[in-house]
Amino acid sequence: MNEFRGPVPMPAYDAVSPGNYLGFYGMPMFPNVPTADLEASTDFWLRGLGFDNLFTLPGQVVHLRRWAFQDVLLKPGTPAAPSEASISFSCVLSELDEIAKRCEEITPGCTTGPELMPWNSRELTVVTPEGTTVVMTAAEPIDPDGPVAERMRAVGIDVPRR
């Protein structure tokens, strides 16, 4: 059995992105995103959301990636109908404002937030050109002796103490 054997890393204001990962691996999970305009969607995901183009099969699929295990396949097709479902990607706090700015420059009005959520993350919601709701989520630091930590402990989340 695999067991976590280290201290739980706590979020920090000075957390640094690990950077985009362009190696190959068996992808454990990835969304397939249909789009009527593969070029416009690819441009938005690259320039706005900060993904890299891992590879393209022209007219068939564009494989995008940010960090390791943050893969998306854009495919030609009819975009899905709007829904409450969303795709979330981890980021660090220092990335949120820049992602929002880039996305708004490409498609004004496409972002909401960032806003602090009850589960102690700051989240930026972005609606892409093909209508996909993407949530960029960054963990907020927790003072182990503060009110957020106490609220989390009250619902059974074991926040490490100093």
N, C-alpha and C. Protein backbone atom coordinates (compact mmCIF):
# COMPACT_ATOMS: atom_id res chain seq x y z
N MET A 1 0.84 -1.17 0.00
CA MET A 1 0.00 0.00 0.00
C MET A 1 0.89 1.23 0.00
N ASN A 2 0.52 2.23 -0.81
CA ASN A 2 1.23 3.50 -0.80
C ASN A 2 0.68 4.36 0.33
N GLU A 3 1.59 4.95 1.07
CA GLU A 3 1.19 5.77 2.19
C GLU A 3 2.01 7.05 2.18
N PHE A 4 1.35 8.17 2.40
CA PHE A 4 2.06 9.45 2.46
C PHE A 4 2.93 9.44 3.71
N ARG A 5 4.20 9.75 3.57
CA ARG A 5 5.13 9.65 4.69
C ARG A 5 5.89 10.93 4.98
N GLY A 6 5.31 12.05 4.74
CA GLY A 6 6.04 13.28 5.00
C GLY A 6 5.14 14.31 5.62
N PRO A 7 5.71 15.44 5.96
CA PRO A 7 4.87 16.51 6.48
C PRO A 7 3.95 17.02 5.37
N VAL A 8 2.75 17.40 5.75
CA VAL A 8 1.82 17.94 4.77
C VAL A 8 2.30 19.32 4.37
N PRO A 9 2.56 19.55 3.07
CA PRO A 9 3.01 20.87 2.66
C PRO A 9 1.88 21.89 2.84
N MET A 10 2.20 22.99 3.44
CA MET A 10 1.21 24.05 3.67
C MET A 10 1.33 25.08 2.56
N PRO A 11 0.19 25.61 2.11
CA PRO A 11 0.23 26.68 1.10
C PRO A 11 0.99 27.89 1.63
N ALA A 12 1.62 28.62 0.72
CA ALA A 12 2.39 29.79 1.13
C ALA A 12 2.19 30.92 0.12
N TYR A 13 2.27 32.16 0.60
CA TYR A 13 2.13 33.30 -0.30
C TYR A 13 3.27 33.36 -1.32
N ASP A 14 4.41 32.83 -0.96
CA ASP A 14 5.55 32.88 -1.88
C ASP A 14 5.72 31.58 -2.67
N ALA A 15 4.67 30.76 -2.74
CA ALA A 15 4.74 29.52 -3.52
C ALA A 15 5.06 29.85 -4.97
N VAL A 16 5.84 29.00 -5.59
CA VAL A 16 6.28 29.20 -6.97
C VAL A 16 5.74 28.07 -7.83
N SER A 17 5.26 28.43 -8.99
CA SER A 17 4.78 27.43 -9.94
C SER A 17 5.90 26.47 -10.30
N PRO A 18 5.59 25.17 -10.42
CA PRO A 18 6.62 24.24 -10.86
C PRO A 18 6.93 24.39 -12.34
N GLY A 19 6.11 25.18 -13.04
CA GLY A 19 6.31 25.39 -14.48
C GLY A 19 5.62 24.30 -15.29
N ASN A 20 5.42 24.59 -16.55
CA ASN A 20 4.76 23.64 -17.42
C ASN A 20 5.66 22.44 -17.65
N TYR A 21 5.03 21.27 -17.76
CA TYR A 21 5.77 20.01 -17.91
C TYR A 21 5.47 19.45 -19.29
N LEU A 22 6.51 19.20 -20.07
CA LEU A 22 6.31 18.75 -21.44
C LEU A 22 6.80 17.33 -21.69
N GLY A 23 7.03 16.55 -20.62
CA GLY A 23 7.41 15.15 -20.79
C GLY A 23 6.20 14.29 -21.12
N PHE A 24 6.46 13.05 -21.46
CA PHE A 24 5.38 12.12 -21.79
C PHE A 24 5.16 11.15 -20.65
N TYR A 25 3.90 10.81 -20.40
CA TYR A 25 3.52 9.87 -19.36
C TYR A 25 2.13 9.35 -19.68
N GLY A 26 1.72 8.29 -19.02
CA GLY A 26 0.35 7.81 -19.14
C GLY A 26 -0.55 8.76 -18.38
N MET A 27 -1.45 9.43 -19.08
CA MET A 27 -2.29 10.46 -18.44
C MET A 27 -3.39 9.79 -17.62
N PRO A 28 -3.44 10.07 -16.31
CA PRO A 28 -4.46 9.44 -15.47
C PRO A 28 -5.85 10.03 -15.66
N MET A 29 -5.92 11.26 -16.16
CA MET A 29 -7.21 11.94 -16.34
C MET A 29 -7.01 13.12 -17.26
N PHE A 30 -7.99 13.36 -18.14
CA PHE A 30 -7.91 14.52 -19.00
C PHE A 30 -9.27 14.76 -19.62
N PRO A 31 -9.63 16.03 -19.79
CA PRO A 31 -10.89 16.33 -20.47
C PRO A 31 -10.69 16.42 -21.99
N ASN A 32 -11.71 15.97 -22.72
CA ASN A 32 -11.80 16.18 -24.16
C ASN A 32 -12.75 17.35 -24.36
N VAL A 33 -12.26 18.40 -25.01
CA VAL A 33 -13.05 19.62 -25.16
C VAL A 33 -13.36 19.83 -26.64
N PRO A 34 -14.62 19.66 -27.03
CA PRO A 34 -14.97 19.91 -28.43
C PRO A 34 -15.07 21.41 -28.70
N THR A 35 -14.62 21.80 -29.88
CA THR A 35 -14.65 23.21 -30.25
C THR A 35 -14.96 23.37 -31.73
N ALA A 36 -15.78 24.36 -32.05
CA ALA A 36 -16.10 24.66 -33.45
C ALA A 36 -14.96 25.43 -34.13
N ASP A 37 -14.07 26.03 -33.32
CA ASP A 37 -12.96 26.82 -33.86
C ASP A 37 -11.68 26.41 -33.14
N LEU A 38 -11.05 25.38 -33.66
CA LEU A 38 -9.85 24.81 -33.01
C LEU A 38 -8.74 25.85 -32.87
N GLU A 39 -8.58 26.70 -33.87
CA GLU A 39 -7.52 27.72 -33.84
C GLU A 39 -7.78 28.75 -32.74
N ALA A 40 -8.99 29.27 -32.64
CA ALA A 40 -9.31 30.28 -31.61
C ALA A 40 -9.22 29.68 -30.21
N SER A 41 -9.73 28.47 -30.04
CA SER A 41 -9.66 27.83 -28.73
C SER A 41 -8.21 27.56 -28.33
N THR A 42 -7.42 27.06 -29.25
CA THR A 42 -6.01 26.79 -28.96
C THR A 42 -5.30 28.07 -28.55
N ASP A 43 -5.52 29.14 -29.29
CA ASP A 43 -4.90 30.43 -28.96
C ASP A 43 -5.28 30.89 -27.55
N PHE A 44 -6.55 30.78 -27.19
CA PHE A 44 -6.99 31.21 -25.87
C PHE A 44 -6.35 30.38 -24.77
N TRP A 45 -6.35 29.07 -24.92
CA TRP A 45 -5.76 28.19 -23.90
C TRP A 45 -4.25 28.43 -23.76
N LEU A 46 -3.58 28.72 -24.89
CA LEU A 46 -2.13 28.98 -24.85
C LEU A 46 -1.83 30.35 -24.25
N ARG A 47 -2.34 31.40 -24.87
CA ARG A 47 -2.01 32.76 -24.44
C ARG A 47 -2.74 33.19 -23.18
N GLY A 48 -4.00 32.79 -23.03
CA GLY A 48 -4.78 33.21 -21.88
C GLY A 48 -4.52 32.38 -20.64
N LEU A 49 -4.71 31.09 -20.76
CA LEU A 49 -4.61 30.21 -19.59
C LEU A 49 -3.19 29.71 -19.32
N GLY A 50 -2.28 29.91 -20.25
CA GLY A 50 -0.88 29.57 -20.00
C GLY A 50 -0.50 28.12 -20.25
N PHE A 51 -1.29 27.43 -21.06
CA PHE A 51 -0.94 26.06 -21.42
C PHE A 51 0.11 26.08 -22.52
N ASP A 52 0.78 24.95 -22.72
CA ASP A 52 1.69 24.74 -23.84
C ASP A 52 1.06 23.73 -24.78
N ASN A 53 1.43 23.81 -26.05
CA ASN A 53 0.98 22.83 -27.04
C ASN A 53 1.96 21.67 -27.01
N LEU A 54 1.55 20.56 -26.42
CA LEU A 54 2.41 19.38 -26.35
C LEU A 54 2.57 18.78 -27.74
N PHE A 55 1.45 18.64 -28.47
CA PHE A 55 1.51 18.26 -29.87
C PHE A 55 0.16 18.50 -30.53
N THR A 56 0.19 18.55 -31.85
CA THR A 56 -1.02 18.76 -32.65
C THR A 56 -1.07 17.71 -33.76
N LEU A 57 -2.23 17.11 -33.93
CA LEU A 57 -2.52 16.32 -35.13
C LEU A 57 -3.49 17.20 -35.91
N PRO A 58 -3.01 17.88 -36.96
CA PRO A 58 -3.83 18.89 -37.65
C PRO A 58 -5.24 18.41 -37.99
N GLY A 59 -6.21 19.23 -37.58
CA GLY A 59 -7.60 18.94 -37.85
C GLY A 59 -8.20 17.84 -36.99
N GLN A 60 -7.41 17.26 -36.08
CA GLN A 60 -7.90 16.14 -35.26
C GLN A 60 -7.87 16.42 -33.77
N VAL A 61 -6.72 16.87 -33.27
CA VAL A 61 -6.59 17.08 -31.82
C VAL A 61 -5.41 18.01 -31.55
N VAL A 62 -5.57 18.83 -30.52
CA VAL A 62 -4.47 19.63 -29.99
C VAL A 62 -4.34 19.21 -28.52
N HIS A 63 -3.17 18.68 -28.17
CA HIS A 63 -2.91 18.22 -26.81
C HIS A 63 -2.19 19.34 -26.06
N LEU A 64 -2.88 19.91 -25.07
CA LEU A 64 -2.35 21.02 -24.29
C LEU A 64 -1.98 20.55 -22.89
N ARG A 65 -1.00 21.23 -22.28
CA ARG A 65 -0.62 20.90 -20.91
C ARG A 65 -0.05 22.12 -20.22
N ARG A 66 -0.36 22.23 -18.90
CA ARG A 66 0.30 23.17 -18.00
C ARG A 66 1.25 22.34 -17.14
N TRP A 67 0.94 22.24 -15.87
CA TRP A 67 1.78 21.43 -14.99
C TRP A 67 1.58 19.95 -15.32
N ALA A 68 2.40 19.09 -14.71
CA ALA A 68 2.21 17.66 -14.88
C ALA A 68 0.80 17.28 -14.46
N PHE A 69 0.17 16.43 -15.24
CA PHE A 69 -1.18 15.93 -15.01
C PHE A 69 -2.26 16.99 -15.18
N GLN A 70 -1.95 18.07 -15.89
CA GLN A 70 -2.94 19.08 -16.25
C GLN A 70 -3.06 19.11 -17.77
N ASP A 71 -3.62 18.05 -18.30
CA ASP A 71 -3.74 17.87 -19.75
C ASP A 71 -5.16 18.18 -20.21
N VAL A 72 -5.26 18.68 -21.44
CA VAL A 72 -6.54 18.96 -22.09
C VAL A 72 -6.38 18.59 -23.56
N LEU A 73 -7.39 17.91 -24.11
CA LEU A 73 -7.39 17.62 -25.54
C LEU A 73 -8.49 18.45 -26.19
N LEU A 74 -8.11 19.37 -27.07
CA LEU A 74 -9.07 20.13 -27.86
C LEU A 74 -9.31 19.36 -29.15
N LYS A 75 -10.59 19.17 -29.49
CA LYS A 75 -10.94 18.40 -30.68
C LYS A 75 -12.00 19.16 -31.46
N PRO A 76 -11.97 19.07 -32.80
CA PRO A 76 -13.02 19.70 -33.58
C PRO A 76 -14.36 19.04 -33.26
N GLY A 77 -15.39 19.85 -33.13
CA GLY A 77 -16.72 19.31 -32.86
C GLY A 77 -17.65 20.38 -32.37
N THR A 78 -18.85 19.97 -32.07
CA THR A 78 -19.85 20.89 -31.54
C THR A 78 -19.60 21.06 -30.05
N PRO A 79 -19.38 22.29 -29.59
CA PRO A 79 -19.15 22.51 -28.16
C PRO A 79 -20.31 21.98 -27.33
N ALA A 80 -19.99 21.51 -26.15
CA ALA A 80 -21.01 21.01 -25.23
C ALA A 80 -21.93 22.15 -24.81
N ALA A 81 -23.14 21.80 -24.48
CA ALA A 81 -24.10 22.80 -23.98
C ALA A 81 -23.60 23.33 -22.64
N PRO A 82 -23.88 24.60 -22.34
CA PRO A 82 -23.46 25.15 -21.05
C PRO A 82 -24.03 24.31 -19.90
N SER A 83 -23.20 24.15 -18.86
CA SER A 83 -23.65 23.40 -17.69
C SER A 83 -22.96 23.97 -16.46
N GLU A 84 -23.29 23.41 -15.32
CA GLU A 84 -22.67 23.81 -14.07
C GLU A 84 -21.32 23.12 -13.88
N ALA A 85 -21.01 22.15 -14.71
CA ALA A 85 -19.75 21.43 -14.60
C ALA A 85 -18.59 22.35 -14.98
N SER A 86 -17.45 22.13 -14.37
CA SER A 86 -16.26 22.91 -14.68
C SER A 86 -15.04 22.02 -14.57
N ILE A 87 -13.94 22.51 -15.12
CA ILE A 87 -12.65 21.84 -15.03
C ILE A 87 -11.76 22.73 -14.17
N SER A 88 -11.15 22.17 -13.13
CA SER A 88 -10.28 22.97 -12.25
C SER A 88 -8.83 22.58 -12.44
N PHE A 89 -7.97 23.59 -12.41
CA PHE A 89 -6.53 23.39 -12.51
C PHE A 89 -5.86 24.14 -11.37
N SER A 90 -4.94 23.48 -10.70
CA SER A 90 -4.17 24.14 -9.63
C SER A 90 -3.22 25.16 -10.22
N CYS A 91 -3.02 26.21 -9.47
CA CYS A 91 -2.01 27.20 -9.80
C CYS A 91 -1.55 27.79 -8.47
N VAL A 92 -0.67 28.75 -8.53
CA VAL A 92 -0.25 29.44 -7.30
C VAL A 92 -0.87 30.83 -7.30
N LEU A 93 -0.99 31.40 -6.10
CA LEU A 93 -1.67 32.69 -5.95
C LEU A 93 -1.12 33.76 -6.89
N SER A 94 0.18 33.79 -7.06
CA SER A 94 0.79 34.84 -7.88
C SER A 94 0.44 34.74 -9.35
N GLU A 95 -0.15 33.65 -9.80
CA GLU A 95 -0.52 33.49 -11.21
C GLU A 95 -1.92 34.01 -11.53
N LEU A 96 -2.80 34.08 -10.54
CA LEU A 96 -4.21 34.35 -10.80
C LEU A 96 -4.47 35.67 -11.52
N ASP A 97 -3.91 36.76 -11.03
CA ASP A 97 -4.18 38.06 -11.65
C ASP A 97 -3.66 38.14 -13.07
N GLU A 98 -2.51 37.55 -13.32
CA GLU A 98 -1.94 37.58 -14.68
C GLU A 98 -2.77 36.74 -15.64
N ILE A 99 -3.23 35.58 -15.18
CA ILE A 99 -4.10 34.76 -16.04
C ILE A 99 -5.38 35.53 -16.37
N ALA A 100 -5.98 36.15 -15.35
CA ALA A 100 -7.20 36.94 -15.58
C ALA A 100 -6.95 38.05 -16.59
N LYS A 101 -5.85 38.75 -16.45
CA LYS A 101 -5.52 39.86 -17.35
C LYS A 101 -5.37 39.36 -18.79
N ARG A 102 -4.62 38.28 -18.98
CA ARG A 102 -4.41 37.75 -20.34
C ARG A 102 -5.73 37.29 -20.96
N CYS A 103 -6.54 36.57 -20.18
CA CYS A 103 -7.82 36.09 -20.71
C CYS A 103 -8.73 37.25 -21.09
N GLU A 104 -8.79 38.28 -20.24
CA GLU A 104 -9.64 39.45 -20.51
C GLU A 104 -9.16 40.21 -21.74
N GLU A 105 -7.86 40.24 -21.99
CA GLU A 105 -7.34 40.90 -23.19
C GLU A 105 -7.80 40.18 -24.45
N ILE A 106 -7.91 38.86 -24.38
CA ILE A 106 -8.32 38.07 -25.55
C ILE A 106 -9.83 38.10 -25.71
N THR A 107 -10.55 37.87 -24.60
CA THR A 107 -12.01 37.79 -24.62
C THR A 107 -12.57 38.59 -23.45
N PRO A 108 -12.82 39.88 -23.64
CA PRO A 108 -13.34 40.69 -22.53
C PRO A 108 -14.61 40.10 -21.92
N GLY A 109 -14.67 40.12 -20.59
CA GLY A 109 -15.84 39.63 -19.87
C GLY A 109 -15.85 38.13 -19.60
N CYS A 110 -14.76 37.45 -19.92
CA CYS A 110 -14.75 35.99 -19.78
C CYS A 110 -14.36 35.49 -18.39
N THR A 111 -13.96 36.39 -17.48
CA THR A 111 -13.49 35.94 -16.17
C THR A 111 -14.37 36.46 -15.04
N THR A 112 -14.37 35.71 -13.95
CA THR A 112 -15.01 36.11 -12.71
C THR A 112 -14.01 35.82 -11.59
N GLY A 113 -13.83 36.78 -10.69
CA GLY A 113 -12.89 36.58 -9.59
C GLY A 113 -11.57 37.21 -9.91
N PRO A 114 -10.55 36.76 -9.20
CA PRO A 114 -10.51 35.67 -8.22
C PRO A 114 -11.30 36.01 -6.95
N GLU A 115 -11.86 34.94 -6.36
CA GLU A 115 -12.57 35.12 -5.10
C GLU A 115 -12.16 34.04 -4.11
N LEU A 116 -12.20 34.41 -2.84
CA LEU A 116 -11.86 33.49 -1.76
C LEU A 116 -13.04 32.56 -1.53
N MET A 117 -12.78 31.27 -1.52
CA MET A 117 -13.83 30.27 -1.36
C MET A 117 -13.85 29.75 0.07
N PRO A 118 -14.98 29.20 0.52
CA PRO A 118 -15.08 28.70 1.90
C PRO A 118 -14.09 27.57 2.21
N TRP A 119 -13.61 26.88 1.20
CA TRP A 119 -12.65 25.78 1.40
C TRP A 119 -11.21 26.25 1.34
N ASN A 120 -11.02 27.57 1.47
CA ASN A 120 -9.72 28.20 1.61
C ASN A 120 -8.85 28.16 0.35
N SER A 121 -9.50 28.33 -0.78
CA SER A 121 -8.74 28.54 -2.01
C SER A 121 -9.23 29.84 -2.63
N ARG A 122 -8.38 30.43 -3.43
CA ARG A 122 -8.76 31.61 -4.21
C ARG A 122 -8.94 31.11 -5.64
N GLU A 123 -10.10 31.42 -6.24
CA GLU A 123 -10.43 30.83 -7.53
C GLU A 123 -10.82 31.89 -8.56
N LEU A 124 -10.28 31.69 -9.74
CA LEU A 124 -10.58 32.49 -10.91
C LEU A 124 -11.39 31.61 -11.86
N THR A 125 -12.57 32.06 -12.24
CA THR A 125 -13.40 31.30 -13.18
C THR A 125 -13.29 31.95 -14.55
N VAL A 126 -13.03 31.12 -15.55
CA VAL A 126 -12.84 31.59 -16.92
C VAL A 126 -13.75 30.78 -17.84
N VAL A 127 -14.47 31.46 -18.71
CA VAL A 127 -15.25 30.77 -19.74
C VAL A 127 -14.49 30.93 -21.05
N THR A 128 -14.08 29.81 -21.61
CA THR A 128 -13.26 29.81 -22.82
C THR A 128 -14.12 30.06 -24.07
N PRO A 129 -13.50 30.33 -25.22
CA PRO A 129 -14.29 30.61 -26.42
C PRO A 129 -15.26 29.49 -26.80
N GLU A 130 -14.94 28.25 -26.49
CA GLU A 130 -15.84 27.15 -26.82
C GLU A 130 -16.86 26.88 -25.73
N GLY A 131 -16.83 27.72 -24.67
CA GLY A 131 -17.83 27.62 -23.61
C GLY A 131 -17.46 26.73 -22.44
N THR A 132 -16.22 26.30 -22.36
CA THR A 132 -15.77 25.48 -21.24
C THR A 132 -15.53 26.38 -20.02
N THR A 133 -16.05 25.97 -18.87
CA THR A 133 -15.80 26.71 -17.64
C THR A 133 -14.56 26.13 -16.98
N VAL A 134 -13.52 26.95 -16.91
CA VAL A 134 -12.24 26.56 -16.32
C VAL A 134 -12.08 27.33 -15.02
N VAL A 135 -11.72 26.62 -13.96
CA VAL A 135 -11.47 27.27 -12.68
C VAL A 135 -9.99 27.10 -12.34
N MET A 136 -9.29 28.23 -12.24
CA MET A 136 -7.90 28.22 -11.81
C MET A 136 -7.94 28.41 -10.29
N THR A 137 -7.43 27.43 -9.56
CA THR A 137 -7.58 27.43 -8.11
C THR A 137 -6.21 27.41 -7.42
N ALA A 138 -6.06 28.32 -6.47
CA ALA A 138 -4.80 28.43 -5.73
C ALA A 138 -5.11 28.36 -4.23
N ALA A 139 -4.39 27.53 -3.53
CA ALA A 139 -4.59 27.38 -2.09
C ALA A 139 -4.13 28.64 -1.37
N GLU A 140 -4.93 29.05 -0.40
CA GLU A 140 -4.57 30.18 0.46
C GLU A 140 -3.75 29.67 1.64
N PRO A 141 -2.74 30.40 2.07
CA PRO A 141 -2.00 30.01 3.27
C PRO A 141 -2.93 29.97 4.49
N ILE A 142 -2.59 29.10 5.42
CA ILE A 142 -3.37 28.95 6.64
C ILE A 142 -2.48 29.19 7.84
N ASP A 143 -2.91 30.07 8.71
CA ASP A 143 -2.25 30.24 10.00
C ASP A 143 -2.74 29.08 10.87
N PRO A 144 -1.85 28.16 11.26
CA PRO A 144 -2.29 26.98 12.01
C PRO A 144 -2.95 27.33 13.34
N ASP A 145 -2.76 28.55 13.81
CA ASP A 145 -3.39 28.97 15.07
C ASP A 145 -4.54 29.95 14.83
N GLY A 146 -4.90 30.15 13.58
CA GLY A 146 -5.91 31.16 13.25
C GLY A 146 -7.32 30.60 13.09
N PRO A 147 -8.27 31.49 12.79
CA PRO A 147 -9.67 31.09 12.70
C PRO A 147 -9.97 30.14 11.54
N VAL A 148 -9.27 30.27 10.42
CA VAL A 148 -9.52 29.37 9.29
C VAL A 148 -9.14 27.95 9.70
N ALA A 149 -7.99 27.79 10.33
CA ALA A 149 -7.56 26.47 10.79
C ALA A 149 -8.57 25.89 11.78
N GLU A 150 -9.07 26.70 12.66
CA GLU A 150 -10.05 26.22 13.65
C GLU A 150 -11.35 25.79 12.97
N ARG A 151 -11.81 26.56 11.98
CA ARG A 151 -13.01 26.18 11.23
C ARG A 151 -12.81 24.84 10.52
N MET A 152 -11.62 24.66 9.98
CA MET A 152 -11.33 23.41 9.27
C MET A 152 -11.28 22.24 10.25
N ARG A 153 -10.65 22.45 11.40
CA ARG A 153 -10.61 21.38 12.40
C ARG A 153 -12.02 21.04 12.89
N ALA A 154 -12.89 22.04 12.98
CA ALA A 154 -14.25 21.82 13.47
C ALA A 154 -15.05 20.90 12.54
N VAL A 155 -14.67 20.82 11.26
CA VAL A 155 -15.37 19.93 10.34
C VAL A 155 -14.56 18.66 10.05
N GLY A 156 -13.49 18.43 10.84
CA GLY A 156 -12.75 17.19 10.74
C GLY A 156 -11.51 17.20 9.88
N ILE A 157 -11.07 18.39 9.42
CA ILE A 157 -9.85 18.47 8.64
C ILE A 157 -8.69 18.71 9.60
N ASP A 158 -7.72 17.82 9.57
CA ASP A 158 -6.61 17.89 10.50
C ASP A 158 -5.54 18.87 9.99
N VAL A 159 -5.63 20.11 10.40
CA VAL A 159 -4.64 21.11 10.01
C VAL A 159 -3.48 21.00 11.00
N PRO A 160 -2.25 20.75 10.50
CA PRO A 160 -1.11 20.62 11.42
C PRO A 160 -0.90 21.89 12.23
N ARG A 161 -0.53 21.71 13.47
CA ARG A 161 -0.20 22.84 14.35
C ARG A 161 1.29 23.09 14.26
N ARG A 162 1.69 24.29 14.69
CA ARG A 162 3.13 24.63 14.65
C ARG A 162 3.90 23.78 15.63
